[in-house]
Amino acid sequence: MRQLKLTKDEQDILRSYERGEWRPVKNMQAEMLRFKEMAKRSLRKGRRINIRLSEQDVHRLQISALREGMPYQTLIASVLHKYVSGRLMPR
């Protein structure tokens, strides 16, 4: 059977679990709803901005968005979000 390679964080979590440090959450359904609401609130769009881009860049964004199956403005927002959260990796 093939072993999965775990990151250091994943290895720490696994060791913690194996040591029995994890306890069940009381009222799991309520906790799940609470965290879903937190996630929704953190992803709500709250501010509108205007930005000028070259026609060529907009066209390329629209093509990329079509390939991804999403509106181009959603793609732009996603790219910006990944950049500011440090998750946008260079090729």
PDB file of N, CA and C in Angstrom:
ATOM      1  N   MET A   1       0.839  -1.181   0.000  1.00  0.00           N
ATOM      2  CA  MET A   1       0.000   0.000   0.000  1.00  0.00           C
ATOM      3  C   MET A   1       0.881   1.240   0.000  1.00  0.00           C
ATOM      4  N   ARG A   2       0.556   2.209  -0.823  1.00  0.00           N
ATOM      5  CA  ARG A   2       1.359   3.409  -0.977  1.00  0.00           C
ATOM      6  C   ARG A   2       1.161   4.356   0.202  1.00  0.00           C
ATOM      7  N   GLN A   3       2.254   4.834   0.777  1.00  0.00           N
ATOM      8  CA  GLN A   3       2.198   5.772   1.891  1.00  0.00           C
ATOM      9  C   GLN A   3       2.036   7.196   1.360  1.00  0.00           C
ATOM     10  N   LEU A   4       1.151   7.954   1.990  1.00  0.00           N
ATOM     11  CA  LEU A   4       0.992   9.357   1.644  1.00  0.00           C
ATOM     12  C   LEU A   4       2.082  10.166   2.309  1.00  0.00           C
ATOM     13  N   LYS A   5       2.596  11.172   1.607  1.00  0.00           N
ATOM     14  CA  LYS A   5       3.570  12.061   2.215  1.00  0.00           C
ATOM     15  C   LYS A   5       2.801  13.167   2.919  1.00  0.00           C
ATOM     16  N   LEU A   6       3.044  13.305   4.204  1.00  0.00           N
ATOM     17  CA  LEU A   6       2.350  14.311   5.002  1.00  0.00           C
ATOM     18  C   LEU A   6       3.262  15.499   5.234  1.00  0.00           C
ATOM     19  N   THR A   7       2.655  16.686   5.269  1.00  0.00           N
ATOM     20  CA  THR A   7       3.408  17.884   5.621  1.00  0.00           C
ATOM     21  C   THR A   7       3.731  17.827   7.110  1.00  0.00           C
ATOM     22  N   LYS A   8       4.604  18.711   7.575  1.00  0.00           N
ATOM     23  CA  LYS A   8       4.944  18.749   8.998  1.00  0.00           C
ATOM     24  C   LYS A   8       3.699  19.016   9.830  1.00  0.00           C
ATOM     25  N   ASP A   9       2.843  19.955   9.392  1.00  0.00           N
ATOM     26  CA  ASP A   9       1.613  20.248  10.124  1.00  0.00           C
ATOM     27  C   ASP A   9       0.708  19.020  10.196  1.00  0.00           C
ATOM     28  N   GLU A  10       0.582  18.310   9.082  1.00  0.00           N
ATOM     29  CA  GLU A  10      -0.250  17.106   9.065  1.00  0.00           C
ATOM     30  C   GLU A  10       0.328  16.030   9.987  1.00  0.00           C
ATOM     31  N   GLN A  11       1.648  15.895  10.004  1.00  0.00           N
ATOM     32  CA  GLN A  11       2.287  14.926  10.896  1.00  0.00           C
ATOM     33  C   GLN A  11       2.031  15.291  12.356  1.00  0.00           C
ATOM     34  N   ASP A  12       2.111  16.585  12.688  1.00  0.00           N
ATOM     35  CA  ASP A  12       1.838  17.031  14.062  1.00  0.00           C
ATOM     36  C   ASP A  12       0.405  16.712  14.470  1.00  0.00           C
ATOM     37  N   ILE A  13      -0.537  16.947  13.560  1.00  0.00           N
ATOM     38  CA  ILE A  13      -1.945  16.659  13.843  1.00  0.00           C
ATOM     39  C   ILE A  13      -2.140  15.165  14.059  1.00  0.00           C
ATOM     40  N   LEU A  14      -1.534  14.364  13.192  1.00  0.00           N
ATOM     41  CA  LEU A  14      -1.667  12.906  13.322  1.00  0.00           C
ATOM     42  C   LEU A  14      -1.099  12.421  14.658  1.00  0.00           C
ATOM     43  N   ARG A  15       0.080  12.909  15.038  1.00  0.00           N
ATOM     44  CA  ARG A  15       0.674  12.505  16.317  1.00  0.00           C
ATOM     45  C   ARG A  15      -0.222  12.916  17.486  1.00  0.00           C
ATOM     46  N   SER A  16      -0.774  14.115  17.410  1.00  0.00           N
ATOM     47  CA  SER A  16      -1.674  14.597  18.459  1.00  0.00           C
ATOM     48  C   SER A  16      -2.894  13.694  18.572  1.00  0.00           C
ATOM     49  N   TYR A  17      -3.466  13.323  17.428  1.00  0.00           N
ATOM     50  CA  TYR A  17      -4.623  12.427  17.410  1.00  0.00           C
ATOM     51  C   TYR A  17      -4.265  11.065  18.009  1.00  0.00           C
ATOM     52  N   GLU A  18      -3.115  10.542  17.596  1.00  0.00           N
ATOM     53  CA  GLU A  18      -2.701   9.223  18.079  1.00  0.00           C
ATOM     54  C   GLU A  18      -2.416   9.228  19.584  1.00  0.00           C
ATOM     55  N   ARG A  19      -2.022  10.371  20.144  1.00  0.00           N
ATOM     56  CA  ARG A  19      -1.799  10.473  21.597  1.00  0.00           C
ATOM     57  C   ARG A  19      -3.110  10.632  22.364  1.00  0.00           C
ATOM     58  N   GLY A  20      -4.227  10.706  21.642  1.00  0.00           N
ATOM     59  CA  GLY A  20      -5.533  10.815  22.286  1.00  0.00           C
ATOM     60  C   GLY A  20      -5.863  12.214  22.785  1.00  0.00           C
ATOM     61  N   GLU A  21      -5.266  13.224  22.170  1.00  0.00           N
ATOM     62  CA  GLU A  21      -5.478  14.602  22.623  1.00  0.00           C
ATOM     63  C   GLU A  21      -6.760  15.235  22.068  1.00  0.00           C
ATOM     64  N   TRP A  22      -7.437  14.528  21.185  1.00  0.00           N
ATOM     65  CA  TRP A  22      -8.635  15.083  20.549  1.00  0.00           C
ATOM     66  C   TRP A  22      -9.874  14.629  21.313  1.00  0.00           C
ATOM     67  N   ARG A  23     -10.818  15.535  21.489  1.00  0.00           N
ATOM     68  CA  ARG A  23     -12.061  15.235  22.186  1.00  0.00           C
ATOM     69  C   ARG A  23     -13.238  15.604  21.284  1.00  0.00           C
ATOM     70  N   PRO A  24     -14.341  14.847  21.381  1.00  0.00           N
ATOM     71  CA  PRO A  24     -15.523  15.183  20.572  1.00  0.00           C
ATOM     72  C   PRO A  24     -16.075  16.561  20.956  1.00  0.00           C
ATOM     73  N   VAL A  25     -16.649  17.218  19.971  1.00  0.00           N
ATOM     74  CA  VAL A  25     -17.271  18.521  20.195  1.00  0.00           C
ATOM     75  C   VAL A  25     -18.696  18.291  20.659  1.00  0.00           C
ATOM     76  N   LYS A  26     -19.090  19.021  21.703  1.00  0.00           N
ATOM     77  CA  LYS A  26     -20.480  18.930  22.147  1.00  0.00           C
ATOM     78  C   LYS A  26     -21.339  19.646  21.119  1.00  0.00           C
ATOM     79  N   ASN A  27     -22.484  19.068  20.792  1.00  0.00           N
ATOM     80  CA  ASN A  27     -23.435  19.640  19.846  1.00  0.00           C
ATOM     81  C   ASN A  27     -22.762  19.957  18.495  1.00  0.00           C
ATOM     82  N   MET A  28     -22.317  18.905  17.842  1.00  0.00           N
ATOM     83  CA  MET A  28     -21.580  19.015  16.577  1.00  0.00           C
ATOM     84  C   MET A  28     -22.338  19.804  15.511  1.00  0.00           C
ATOM     85  N   GLN A  29     -23.649  19.576  15.386  1.00  0.00           N
ATOM     86  CA  GLN A  29     -24.435  20.277  14.362  1.00  0.00           C
ATOM     87  C   GLN A  29     -24.388  21.789  14.563  1.00  0.00           C
ATOM     88  N   ALA A  30     -24.552  22.232  15.800  1.00  0.00           N
ATOM     89  CA  ALA A  30     -24.520  23.671  16.095  1.00  0.00           C
ATOM     90  C   ALA A  30     -23.145  24.249  15.789  1.00  0.00           C
ATOM     91  N   GLU A  31     -22.096  23.513  16.119  1.00  0.00           N
ATOM     92  CA  GLU A  31     -20.736  23.984  15.845  1.00  0.00           C
ATOM     93  C   GLU A  31     -20.488  24.082  14.344  1.00  0.00           C
ATOM     94  N   MET A  32     -20.973  23.100  13.587  1.00  0.00           N
ATOM     95  CA  MET A  32     -20.798  23.132  12.132  1.00  0.00           C
ATOM     96  C   MET A  32     -21.514  24.338  11.545  1.00  0.00           C
ATOM     97  N   LEU A  33     -22.737  24.596  11.996  1.00  0.00           N
ATOM     98  CA  LEU A  33     -23.473  25.767  11.515  1.00  0.00           C
ATOM     99  C   LEU A  33     -22.747  27.060  11.866  1.00  0.00           C
ATOM    100  N   ARG A  34     -22.210  27.128  13.073  1.00  0.00           N
ATOM    101  CA  ARG A  34     -21.487  28.325  13.510  1.00  0.00           C
ATOM    102  C   ARG A  34     -20.277  28.595  12.607  1.00  0.00           C
ATOM    103  N   PHE A  35     -19.513  27.565  12.303  1.00  0.00           N
ATOM    104  CA  PHE A  35     -18.337  27.744  11.466  1.00  0.00           C
ATOM    105  C   PHE A  35     -18.706  28.023  10.010  1.00  0.00           C
ATOM    106  N   LYS A  36     -19.801  27.444   9.527  1.00  0.00           N
ATOM    107  CA  LYS A  36     -20.268  27.760   8.170  1.00  0.00           C
ATOM    108  C   LYS A  36     -20.629  29.233   8.061  1.00  0.00           C
ATOM    109  N   GLU A  37     -21.301  29.757   9.080  1.00  0.00           N
ATOM    110  CA  GLU A  37     -21.668  31.174   9.086  1.00  0.00           C
ATOM    111  C   GLU A  37     -20.433  32.068   9.116  1.00  0.00           C
ATOM    112  N   MET A  38     -19.448  31.674   9.899  1.00  0.00           N
ATOM    113  CA  MET A  38     -18.195  32.438   9.943  1.00  0.00           C
ATOM    114  C   MET A  38     -17.537  32.471   8.565  1.00  0.00           C
ATOM    115  N   ALA A  39     -17.522  31.320   7.905  1.00  0.00           N
ATOM    116  CA  ALA A  39     -16.913  31.253   6.573  1.00  0.00           C
ATOM    117  C   ALA A  39     -17.672  32.133   5.588  1.00  0.00           C
ATOM    118  N   LYS A  40     -19.006  32.079   5.636  1.00  0.00           N
ATOM    119  CA  LYS A  40     -19.812  32.913   4.737  1.00  0.00           C
ATOM    120  C   LYS A  40     -19.536  34.388   4.960  1.00  0.00           C
ATOM    121  N   ARG A  41     -19.488  34.800   6.228  1.00  0.00           N
ATOM    122  CA  ARG A  41     -19.249  36.210   6.539  1.00  0.00           C
ATOM    123  C   ARG A  41     -17.870  36.662   6.072  1.00  0.00           C
ATOM    124  N   SER A  42     -16.884  35.786   6.176  1.00  0.00           N
ATOM    125  CA  SER A  42     -15.531  36.174   5.781  1.00  0.00           C
ATOM    126  C   SER A  42     -15.394  36.278   4.263  1.00  0.00           C
ATOM    127  N   LEU A  43     -16.282  35.626   3.521  1.00  0.00           N
ATOM    128  CA  LEU A  43     -16.189  35.648   2.068  1.00  0.00           C
ATOM    129  C   LEU A  43     -17.135  36.652   1.415  1.00  0.00           C
ATOM    130  N   ARG A  44     -17.970  37.318   2.205  1.00  0.00           N
ATOM    131  CA  ARG A  44     -18.891  38.290   1.626  1.00  0.00           C
ATOM    132  C   ARG A  44     -18.123  39.442   1.007  1.00  0.00           C
ATOM    133  N   LYS A  45     -18.613  39.855  -0.124  1.00  0.00           N
ATOM    134  CA  LYS A  45     -18.005  41.006  -0.780  1.00  0.00           C
ATOM    135  C   LYS A  45     -18.582  42.257  -0.137  1.00  0.00           C
ATOM    136  N   GLY A  46     -17.718  43.080   0.413  1.00  0.00           N
ATOM    137  CA  GLY A  46     -18.218  44.234   1.141  1.00  0.00           C
ATOM    138  C   GLY A  46     -17.813  45.565   0.546  1.00  0.00           C
ATOM    139  N   ARG A  47     -16.896  45.559  -0.390  1.00  0.00           N
ATOM    140  CA  ARG A  47     -16.415  46.834  -0.894  1.00  0.00           C
ATOM    141  C   ARG A  47     -16.214  46.754  -2.396  1.00  0.00           C
ATOM    142  N   ARG A  48     -16.626  47.773  -3.063  1.00  0.00           N
ATOM    143  CA  ARG A  48     -16.499  47.856  -4.513  1.00  0.00           C
ATOM    144  C   ARG A  48     -15.317  48.768  -4.845  1.00  0.00           C
ATOM    145  N   ILE A  49     -14.518  48.363  -5.838  1.00  0.00           N
ATOM    146  CA  ILE A  49     -13.440  49.218  -6.316  1.00  0.00           C
ATOM    147  C   ILE A  49     -13.533  49.336  -7.830  1.00  0.00           C
ATOM    148  N   ASN A  50     -12.947  50.382  -8.354  1.00  0.00           N
ATOM    149  CA  ASN A  50     -12.839  50.559  -9.804  1.00  0.00           C
ATOM    150  C   ASN A  50     -11.364  50.522 -10.163  1.00  0.00           C
ATOM    151  N   ILE A  51     -11.060  49.870 -11.264  1.00  0.00           N
ATOM    152  CA  ILE A  51      -9.669  49.745 -11.688  1.00  0.00           C
ATOM    153  C   ILE A  51      -9.618  49.805 -13.215  1.00  0.00           C
ATOM    154  N   ARG A  52      -8.628  50.452 -13.728  1.00  0.00           N
ATOM    155  CA  ARG A  52      -8.448  50.518 -15.177  1.00  0.00           C
ATOM    156  C   ARG A  52      -7.374  49.527 -15.597  1.00  0.00           C
ATOM    157  N   LEU A  53      -7.719  48.697 -16.577  1.00  0.00           N
ATOM    158  CA  LEU A  53      -6.793  47.708 -17.116  1.00  0.00           C
ATOM    159  C   LEU A  53      -6.710  47.886 -18.625  1.00  0.00           C
ATOM    160  N   SER A  54      -5.620  47.442 -19.202  1.00  0.00           N
ATOM    161  CA  SER A  54      -5.495  47.528 -20.658  1.00  0.00           C
ATOM    162  C   SER A  54      -6.494  46.569 -21.303  1.00  0.00           C
ATOM    163  N   GLU A  55      -6.890  46.887 -22.510  1.00  0.00           N
ATOM    164  CA  GLU A  55      -7.812  46.020 -23.258  1.00  0.00           C
ATOM    165  C   GLU A  55      -7.233  44.616 -23.401  1.00  0.00           C
ATOM    166  N   GLN A  56      -5.938  44.561 -23.662  1.00  0.00           N
ATOM    167  CA  GLN A  56      -5.283  43.266 -23.846  1.00  0.00           C
ATOM    168  C   GLN A  56      -5.352  42.430 -22.563  1.00  0.00           C
ATOM    169  N   ASP A  57      -5.113  43.056 -21.404  1.00  0.00           N
ATOM    170  CA  ASP A  57      -5.190  42.321 -20.139  1.00  0.00           C
ATOM    171  C   ASP A  57      -6.616  41.846 -19.860  1.00  0.00           C
ATOM    172  N   VAL A  58      -7.588  42.702 -20.109  1.00  0.00           N
ATOM    173  CA  VAL A  58      -8.988  42.313 -19.886  1.00  0.00           C
ATOM    174  C   VAL A  58      -9.353  41.138 -20.786  1.00  0.00           C
ATOM    175  N   HIS A  59      -8.923  41.211 -22.043  1.00  0.00           N
ATOM    176  CA  HIS A  59      -9.214  40.125 -22.983  1.00  0.00           C
ATOM    177  C   HIS A  59      -8.592  38.813 -22.497  1.00  0.00           C
ATOM    178  N   ARG A  60      -7.336  38.870 -22.045  1.00  0.00           N
ATOM    179  CA  ARG A  60      -6.677  37.660 -21.546  1.00  0.00           C
ATOM    180  C   ARG A  60      -7.374  37.130 -20.294  1.00  0.00           C
ATOM    181  N   LEU A  61      -7.799  38.035 -19.428  1.00  0.00           N
ATOM    182  CA  LEU A  61      -8.541  37.619 -18.231  1.00  0.00           C
ATOM    183  C   LEU A  61      -9.844  36.932 -18.608  1.00  0.00           C
ATOM    184  N   GLN A  62     -10.531  37.477 -19.602  1.00  0.00           N
ATOM    185  CA  GLN A  62     -11.797  36.879 -20.033  1.00  0.00           C
ATOM    186  C   GLN A  62     -11.572  35.487 -20.608  1.00  0.00           C
ATOM    187  N   ILE A  63     -10.507  35.330 -21.372  1.00  0.00           N
ATOM    188  CA  ILE A  63     -10.191  34.005 -21.931  1.00  0.00           C
ATOM    189  C   ILE A  63      -9.862  33.019 -20.805  1.00  0.00           C
ATOM    190  N   SER A  64      -9.035  33.458 -19.849  1.00  0.00           N
ATOM    191  CA  SER A  64      -8.687  32.592 -18.716  1.00  0.00           C
ATOM    192  C   SER A  64      -9.930  32.217 -17.922  1.00  0.00           C
ATOM    193  N   ALA A  65     -10.813  33.176 -17.712  1.00  0.00           N
ATOM    194  CA  ALA A  65     -12.040  32.916 -16.956  1.00  0.00           C
ATOM    195  C   ALA A  65     -12.927  31.912 -17.684  1.00  0.00           C
ATOM    196  N   LEU A  66     -13.007  32.015 -18.993  1.00  0.00           N
ATOM    197  CA  LEU A  66     -13.783  31.043 -19.768  1.00  0.00           C
ATOM    198  C   LEU A  66     -13.222  29.642 -19.580  1.00  0.00           C
ATOM    199  N   ARG A  67     -11.900  29.532 -19.599  1.00  0.00           N
ATOM    200  CA  ARG A  67     -11.263  28.225 -19.400  1.00  0.00           C
ATOM    201  C   ARG A  67     -11.578  27.658 -18.018  1.00  0.00           C
ATOM    202  N   GLU A  68     -11.656  28.545 -17.025  1.00  0.00           N
ATOM    203  CA  GLU A  68     -11.946  28.125 -15.653  1.00  0.00           C
ATOM    204  C   GLU A  68     -13.436  27.950 -15.397  1.00  0.00           C
ATOM    205  N   GLY A  69     -14.271  28.445 -16.316  1.00  0.00           N
ATOM    206  CA  GLY A  69     -15.716  28.309 -16.163  1.00  0.00           C
ATOM    207  C   GLY A  69     -16.303  29.265 -15.148  1.00  0.00           C
ATOM    208  N   MET A  70     -15.780  30.497 -15.128  1.00  0.00           N
ATOM    209  CA  MET A  70     -16.293  31.485 -14.175  1.00  0.00           C
ATOM    210  C   MET A  70     -16.294  32.868 -14.810  1.00  0.00           C
ATOM    211  N   PRO A  71     -17.066  33.800 -14.270  1.00  0.00           N
ATOM    212  CA  PRO A  71     -17.039  35.171 -14.779  1.00  0.00           C
ATOM    213  C   PRO A  71     -15.648  35.786 -14.564  1.00  0.00           C
ATOM    214  N   TYR A  72     -15.235  36.666 -15.470  1.00  0.00           N
ATOM    215  CA  TYR A  72     -13.886  37.199 -15.372  1.00  0.00           C
ATOM    216  C   TYR A  72     -13.693  38.063 -14.129  1.00  0.00           C
ATOM    217  N   GLN A  73     -14.741  38.746 -13.665  1.00  0.00           N
ATOM    218  CA  GLN A  73     -14.598  39.552 -12.453  1.00  0.00           C
ATOM    219  C   GLN A  73     -14.376  38.662 -11.225  1.00  0.00           C
ATOM    220  N   THR A  74     -14.987  37.481 -11.223  1.00  0.00           N
ATOM    221  CA  THR A  74     -14.768  36.524 -10.151  1.00  0.00           C
ATOM    222  C   THR A  74     -13.334  36.022 -10.178  1.00  0.00           C
ATOM    223  N   LEU A  75     -12.813  35.785 -11.370  1.00  0.00           N
ATOM    224  CA  LEU A  75     -11.422  35.355 -11.513  1.00  0.00           C
ATOM    225  C   LEU A  75     -10.478  36.428 -10.970  1.00  0.00           C
ATOM    226  N   ILE A  76     -10.727  37.681 -11.314  1.00  0.00           N
ATOM    227  CA  ILE A  76      -9.883  38.782 -10.833  1.00  0.00           C
ATOM    228  C   ILE A  76      -9.915  38.832  -9.306  1.00  0.00           C
ATOM    229  N   ALA A  77     -11.111  38.747  -8.727  1.00  0.00           N
ATOM    230  CA  ALA A  77     -11.242  38.771  -7.272  1.00  0.00           C
ATOM    231  C   ALA A  77     -10.498  37.598  -6.639  1.00  0.00           C
ATOM    232  N   SER A  78     -10.574  36.432  -7.261  1.00  0.00           N
ATOM    233  CA  SER A  78      -9.903  35.248  -6.741  1.00  0.00           C
ATOM    234  C   SER A  78      -8.384  35.418  -6.777  1.00  0.00           C
ATOM    235  N   VAL A  79      -7.871  35.926  -7.882  1.00  0.00           N
ATOM    236  CA  VAL A  79      -6.428  36.141  -8.009  1.00  0.00           C
ATOM    237  C   VAL A  79      -5.949  37.150  -6.971  1.00  0.00           C
ATOM    238  N   LEU A  80      -6.687  38.240  -6.809  1.00  0.00           N
ATOM    239  CA  LEU A  80      -6.309  39.247  -5.814  1.00  0.00           C
ATOM    240  C   LEU A  80      -6.356  38.676  -4.397  1.00  0.00           C
ATOM    241  N   HIS A  81      -7.385  37.885  -4.118  1.00  0.00           N
ATOM    242  CA  HIS A  81      -7.494  37.270  -2.793  1.00  0.00           C
ATOM    243  C   HIS A  81      -6.311  36.341  -2.524  1.00  0.00           C
ATOM    244  N   LYS A  82      -5.962  35.519  -3.500  1.00  0.00           N
ATOM    245  CA  LYS A  82      -4.826  34.612  -3.333  1.00  0.00           C
ATOM    246  C   LYS A  82      -3.533  35.402  -3.136  1.00  0.00           C
ATOM    247  N   TYR A  83      -3.381  36.509  -3.834  1.00  0.00           N
ATOM    248  CA  TYR A  83      -2.176  37.327  -3.708  1.00  0.00           C
ATOM    249  C   TYR A  83      -2.058  37.913  -2.301  1.00  0.00           C
ATOM    250  N   VAL A  84      -3.117  38.543  -1.821  1.00  0.00           N
ATOM    251  CA  VAL A  84      -3.035  39.206  -0.511  1.00  0.00           C
ATOM    252  C   VAL A  84      -2.962  38.198   0.635  1.00  0.00           C
ATOM    253  N   SER A  85      -3.429  36.962   0.416  1.00  0.00           N
ATOM    254  CA  SER A  85      -3.350  35.962   1.476  1.00  0.00           C
ATOM    255  C   SER A  85      -2.077  35.117   1.355  1.00  0.00           C
ATOM    256  N   GLY A  86      -1.207  35.469   0.405  1.00  0.00           N
ATOM    257  CA  GLY A  86       0.082  34.781   0.276  1.00  0.00           C
ATOM    258  C   GLY A  86       0.003  33.414  -0.363  1.00  0.00           C
ATOM    259  N   ARG A  87      -1.108  33.130  -1.053  1.00  0.00           N
ATOM    260  CA  ARG A  87      -1.255  31.804  -1.668  1.00  0.00           C
ATOM    261  C   ARG A  87      -1.039  31.809  -3.170  1.00  0.00           C
ATOM    262  N   LEU A  88      -0.694  32.946  -3.748  1.00  0.00           N
ATOM    263  CA  LEU A  88      -0.444  33.012  -5.190  1.00  0.00           C
ATOM    264  C   LEU A  88       1.018  32.659  -5.425  1.00  0.00           C
ATOM    265  N   MET A  89       1.240  31.557  -6.102  1.00  0.00           N
ATOM    266  CA  MET A  89       2.587  31.067  -6.322  1.00  0.00           C
ATOM    267  C   MET A  89       3.033  31.355  -7.753  1.00  0.00           C
ATOM    268  N   PRO A  90       4.273  31.789  -7.929  1.00  0.00           N
ATOM    269  CA  PRO A  90       4.765  32.004  -9.279  1.00  0.00           C
ATOM    270  C   PRO A  90       4.901  30.677 -10.018  1.00  0.00           C
ATOM    271  N   ARG A  91       4.829  30.741 -11.327  1.00  0.00           N
ATOM    272  CA  ARG A  91       4.974  29.522 -12.149  1.00  0.00           C
ATOM    273  C   ARG A  91       6.385  29.026 -12.146  1.00  0.00           C
TER     274      ARG A  91
END
